[in-house]
Amino acid sequence: MQQNVSEKHNEITYFKPLLEGIKDLEGVVVSVDALHPQREHTEYLHSREAH
């Protein structure tokens, strides 16, 4: 899945909304670049049972 990021925002603000478009993340391995290893993102993925 891919989405353009506006000039007034950055990738971090698009992380959760982009993944909300995927109904079931249970057992899915989510690979992101070095910008995203943030506690909030990890907690979100864990709450959706993703890896």
PDB file of N, CA and C in Angstrom:
ATOM      1  N   MET A   1       0.851  -1.157   0.000  1.00  0.00           N
ATOM      2  CA  MET A   1       0.000   0.000   0.000  1.00  0.00           C
ATOM      3  C   MET A   1       0.901   1.226   0.000  1.00  0.00           C
ATOM      4  N   GLN A   2       0.501   2.251  -0.720  1.00  0.00           N
ATOM      5  CA  GLN A   2       1.307   3.449  -0.838  1.00  0.00           C
ATOM      6  C   GLN A   2       0.406   4.675  -0.857  1.00  0.00           C
ATOM      7  N   GLN A   3       0.919   5.776  -0.300  1.00  0.00           N
ATOM      8  CA  GLN A   3       0.155   7.022  -0.275  1.00  0.00           C
ATOM      9  C   GLN A   3       1.138   8.184  -0.354  1.00  0.00           C
ATOM     10  N   ASN A   4       0.792   9.213  -1.116  1.00  0.00           N
ATOM     11  CA  ASN A   4       1.630  10.402  -1.184  1.00  0.00           C
ATOM     12  C   ASN A   4       1.520  11.186   0.116  1.00  0.00           C
ATOM     13  N   VAL A   5       2.646  11.739   0.551  1.00  0.00           N
ATOM     14  CA  VAL A   5       2.696  12.540   1.773  1.00  0.00           C
ATOM     15  C   VAL A   5       2.737  14.006   1.365  1.00  0.00           C
ATOM     16  N   SER A   6       1.822  14.800   1.933  1.00  0.00           N
ATOM     17  CA  SER A   6       1.787  16.219   1.582  1.00  0.00           C
ATOM     18  C   SER A   6       3.019  16.941   2.119  1.00  0.00           C
ATOM     19  N   GLU A   7       3.309  18.080   1.559  1.00  0.00           N
ATOM     20  CA  GLU A   7       4.482  18.853   1.969  1.00  0.00           C
ATOM     21  C   GLU A   7       4.387  19.364   3.399  1.00  0.00           C
ATOM     22  N   LYS A   8       3.180  19.532   3.913  1.00  0.00           N
ATOM     23  CA  LYS A   8       2.987  20.075   5.259  1.00  0.00           C
ATOM     24  C   LYS A   8       3.035  19.000   6.340  1.00  0.00           C
ATOM     25  N   HIS A   9       3.176  17.751   5.959  1.00  0.00           N
ATOM     26  CA  HIS A   9       3.201  16.643   6.912  1.00  0.00           C
ATOM     27  C   HIS A   9       4.445  15.798   6.676  1.00  0.00           C
ATOM     28  N   ASN A  10       4.605  14.763   7.496  1.00  0.00           N
ATOM     29  CA  ASN A  10       5.694  13.827   7.276  1.00  0.00           C
ATOM     30  C   ASN A  10       5.149  12.405   7.349  1.00  0.00           C
ATOM     31  N   GLU A  11       5.991  11.435   7.061  1.00  0.00           N
ATOM     32  CA  GLU A  11       5.566  10.041   7.027  1.00  0.00           C
ATOM     33  C   GLU A  11       4.996   9.554   8.356  1.00  0.00           C
ATOM     34  N   ILE A  12       5.502  10.075   9.448  1.00  0.00           N
ATOM     35  CA  ILE A  12       5.085   9.605  10.766  1.00  0.00           C
ATOM     36  C   ILE A  12       3.586   9.813  10.970  1.00  0.00           C
ATOM     37  N   THR A  13       3.044  10.918  10.495  1.00  0.00           N
ATOM     38  CA  THR A  13       1.616  11.186  10.682  1.00  0.00           C
ATOM     39  C   THR A  13       0.738  10.300   9.803  1.00  0.00           C
ATOM     40  N   TYR A  14       1.304   9.659   8.806  1.00  0.00           N
ATOM     41  CA  TYR A  14       0.539   8.809   7.900  1.00  0.00           C
ATOM     42  C   TYR A  14       0.583   7.334   8.282  1.00  0.00           C
ATOM     43  N   PHE A  15       1.393   6.968   9.254  1.00  0.00           N
ATOM     44  CA  PHE A  15       1.586   5.566   9.621  1.00  0.00           C
ATOM     45  C   PHE A  15       0.279   4.871   9.988  1.00  0.00           C
ATOM     46  N   LYS A  16      -0.373   5.345  11.007  1.00  0.00           N
ATOM     47  CA  LYS A  16      -1.610   4.715  11.476  1.00  0.00           C
ATOM     48  C   LYS A  16      -2.757   4.816  10.462  1.00  0.00           C
ATOM     49  N   PRO A  17      -3.041   6.001   9.888  1.00  0.00           N
ATOM     50  CA  PRO A  17      -4.133   6.076   8.911  1.00  0.00           C
ATOM     51  C   PRO A  17      -3.935   5.139   7.713  1.00  0.00           C
ATOM     52  N   LEU A  18      -2.704   4.976   7.271  1.00  0.00           N
ATOM     53  CA  LEU A  18      -2.439   4.087   6.144  1.00  0.00           C
ATOM     54  C   LEU A  18      -2.746   2.635   6.514  1.00  0.00           C
ATOM     55  N   LEU A  19      -2.323   2.211   7.691  1.00  0.00           N
ATOM     56  CA  LEU A  19      -2.560   0.831   8.114  1.00  0.00           C
ATOM     57  C   LEU A  19      -4.006   0.582   8.520  1.00  0.00           C
ATOM     58  N   GLU A  20      -4.744   1.632   8.867  1.00  0.00           N
ATOM     59  CA  GLU A  20      -6.165   1.472   9.191  1.00  0.00           C
ATOM     60  C   GLU A  20      -6.941   0.965   7.974  1.00  0.00           C
ATOM     61  N   GLY A  21      -6.403   1.206   6.780  1.00  0.00           N
ATOM     62  CA  GLY A  21      -7.051   0.743   5.562  1.00  0.00           C
ATOM     63  C   GLY A  21      -6.959  -0.763   5.359  1.00  0.00           C
ATOM     64  N   ILE A  22      -6.167  -1.429   6.175  1.00  0.00           N
ATOM     65  CA  ILE A  22      -6.025  -2.884   6.108  1.00  0.00           C
ATOM     66  C   ILE A  22      -6.844  -3.474   7.256  1.00  0.00           C
ATOM     67  N   LYS A  23      -7.854  -4.231   6.921  1.00  0.00           N
ATOM     68  CA  LYS A  23      -8.803  -4.717   7.922  1.00  0.00           C
ATOM     69  C   LYS A  23      -8.160  -5.620   8.974  1.00  0.00           C
ATOM     70  N   ASP A  24      -7.352  -6.595   8.545  1.00  0.00           N
ATOM     71  CA  ASP A  24      -6.804  -7.581   9.472  1.00  0.00           C
ATOM     72  C   ASP A  24      -5.286  -7.624   9.365  1.00  0.00           C
ATOM     73  N   LEU A  25      -4.596  -7.232  10.415  1.00  0.00           N
ATOM     74  CA  LEU A  25      -3.137  -7.279  10.445  1.00  0.00           C
ATOM     75  C   LEU A  25      -2.610  -8.428  11.307  1.00  0.00           C
ATOM     76  N   GLU A  26      -3.490  -9.260  11.815  1.00  0.00           N
ATOM     77  CA  GLU A  26      -3.062 -10.346  12.692  1.00  0.00           C
ATOM     78  C   GLU A  26      -2.059 -11.249  11.974  1.00  0.00           C
ATOM     79  N   GLY A  27      -0.871 -11.375  12.567  1.00  0.00           N
ATOM     80  CA  GLY A  27       0.170 -12.232  12.025  1.00  0.00           C
ATOM     81  C   GLY A  27       0.933 -11.644  10.849  1.00  0.00           C
ATOM     82  N   VAL A  28       0.583 -10.437  10.428  1.00  0.00           N
ATOM     83  CA  VAL A  28       1.243  -9.790   9.295  1.00  0.00           C
ATOM     84  C   VAL A  28       2.550  -9.156   9.761  1.00  0.00           C
ATOM     85  N   VAL A  29       3.603  -9.336   8.976  1.00  0.00           N
ATOM     86  CA  VAL A  29       4.874  -8.686   9.252  1.00  0.00           C
ATOM     87  C   VAL A  29       4.863  -7.337   8.537  1.00  0.00           C
ATOM     88  N   VAL A  30       5.009  -6.265   9.300  1.00  0.00           N
ATOM     89  CA  VAL A  30       5.020  -4.910   8.744  1.00  0.00           C
ATOM     90  C   VAL A  30       6.464  -4.434   8.726  1.00  0.00           C
ATOM     91  N   SER A  31       6.945  -4.102   7.558  1.00  0.00           N
ATOM     92  CA  SER A  31       8.325  -3.636   7.390  1.00  0.00           C
ATOM     93  C   SER A  31       8.305  -2.140   7.084  1.00  0.00           C
ATOM     94  N   VAL A  32       9.056  -1.376   7.860  1.00  0.00           N
ATOM     95  CA  VAL A  32       9.112   0.075   7.675  1.00  0.00           C
ATOM     96  C   VAL A  32      10.568   0.530   7.680  1.00  0.00           C
ATOM     97  N   ASP A  33      10.815   1.751   7.250  1.00  0.00           N
ATOM     98  CA  ASP A  33      12.186   2.253   7.250  1.00  0.00           C
ATOM     99  C   ASP A  33      12.569   2.759   8.638  1.00  0.00           C
ATOM    100  N   ALA A  34      13.766   3.264   8.749  1.00  0.00           N
ATOM    101  CA  ALA A  34      14.336   3.661  10.041  1.00  0.00           C
ATOM    102  C   ALA A  34      13.614   4.817  10.721  1.00  0.00           C
ATOM    103  N   LEU A  35      12.715   5.481  10.026  1.00  0.00           N
ATOM    104  CA  LEU A  35      11.980   6.608  10.599  1.00  0.00           C
ATOM    105  C   LEU A  35      10.890   6.152  11.577  1.00  0.00           C
ATOM    106  N   HIS A  36      10.444   4.907  11.483  1.00  0.00           N
ATOM    107  CA  HIS A  36       9.257   4.466  12.202  1.00  0.00           C
ATOM    108  C   HIS A  36       9.439   3.618  13.466  1.00  0.00           C
ATOM    109  N   PRO A  37      10.636   3.291  13.906  1.00  0.00           N
ATOM    110  CA  PRO A  37      10.700   2.520  15.153  1.00  0.00           C
ATOM    111  C   PRO A  37      10.415   3.414  16.365  1.00  0.00           C
ATOM    112  N   GLN A  38       9.167   3.774  16.507  1.00  0.00           N
ATOM    113  CA  GLN A  38       8.728   4.633  17.592  1.00  0.00           C
ATOM    114  C   GLN A  38       7.772   3.845  18.477  1.00  0.00           C
ATOM    115  N   ARG A  39       7.794   4.157  19.742  1.00  0.00           N
ATOM    116  CA  ARG A  39       6.973   3.428  20.706  1.00  0.00           C
ATOM    117  C   ARG A  39       5.493   3.416  20.294  1.00  0.00           C
ATOM    118  N   GLU A  40       4.961   4.541  19.872  1.00  0.00           N
ATOM    119  CA  GLU A  40       3.547   4.624  19.489  1.00  0.00           C
ATOM    120  C   GLU A  40       3.237   3.677  18.321  1.00  0.00           C
ATOM    121  N   HIS A  41       4.124   3.599  17.363  1.00  0.00           N
ATOM    122  CA  HIS A  41       3.915   2.703  16.226  1.00  0.00           C
ATOM    123  C   HIS A  41       3.984   1.244  16.652  1.00  0.00           C
ATOM    124  N   THR A  42       4.929   0.934  17.519  1.00  0.00           N
ATOM    125  CA  THR A  42       5.058  -0.439  18.024  1.00  0.00           C
ATOM    126  C   THR A  42       3.819  -0.844  18.814  1.00  0.00           C
ATOM    127  N   GLU A  43       3.340   0.029  19.662  1.00  0.00           N
ATOM    128  CA  GLU A  43       2.137  -0.268  20.444  1.00  0.00           C
ATOM    129  C   GLU A  43       0.924  -0.440  19.534  1.00  0.00           C
ATOM    130  N   TYR A  44       0.833   0.371  18.495  1.00  0.00           N
ATOM    131  CA  TYR A  44      -0.277   0.247  17.549  1.00  0.00           C
ATOM    132  C   TYR A  44      -0.231  -1.108  16.842  1.00  0.00           C
ATOM    133  N   LEU A  45       0.935  -1.498  16.340  1.00  0.00           N
ATOM    134  CA  LEU A  45       1.066  -2.792  15.653  1.00  0.00           C
ATOM    135  C   LEU A  45       0.759  -3.946  16.612  1.00  0.00           C
ATOM    136  N   HIS A  46       1.233  -3.853  17.831  1.00  0.00           N
ATOM    137  CA  HIS A  46       0.961  -4.895  18.831  1.00  0.00           C
ATOM    138  C   HIS A  46      -0.550  -4.991  19.116  1.00  0.00           C
ATOM    139  N   SER A  47      -1.224  -3.867  19.205  1.00  0.00           N
ATOM    140  CA  SER A  47      -2.667  -3.871  19.482  1.00  0.00           C
ATOM    141  C   SER A  47      -3.458  -4.519  18.334  1.00  0.00           C
ATOM    142  N   ARG A  48      -2.884  -4.474  17.129  1.00  0.00           N
ATOM    143  CA  ARG A  48      -3.531  -5.082  15.958  1.00  0.00           C
ATOM    144  C   ARG A  48      -3.004  -6.490  15.706  1.00  0.00           C
ATOM    145  N   GLU A  49      -2.164  -7.010  16.622  1.00  0.00           N
ATOM    146  CA  GLU A  49      -1.581  -8.352  16.565  1.00  0.00           C
ATOM    147  C   GLU A  49      -0.705  -8.567  15.346  1.00  0.00           C
ATOM    148  N   ALA A  50      -0.050  -7.493  14.900  1.00  0.00           N
ATOM    149  CA  ALA A  50       0.898  -7.570  13.781  1.00  0.00           C
ATOM    150  C   ALA A  50       2.304  -7.745  14.362  1.00  0.00           C
ATOM    151  N   HIS A  51       3.232  -8.040  13.476  1.00  0.00           N
ATOM    152  CA  HIS A  51       4.641  -8.210  13.871  1.00  0.00           C
ATOM    153  C   HIS A  51       5.475  -7.133  13.203  1.00  0.00           C
TER     154      HIS A  51
END
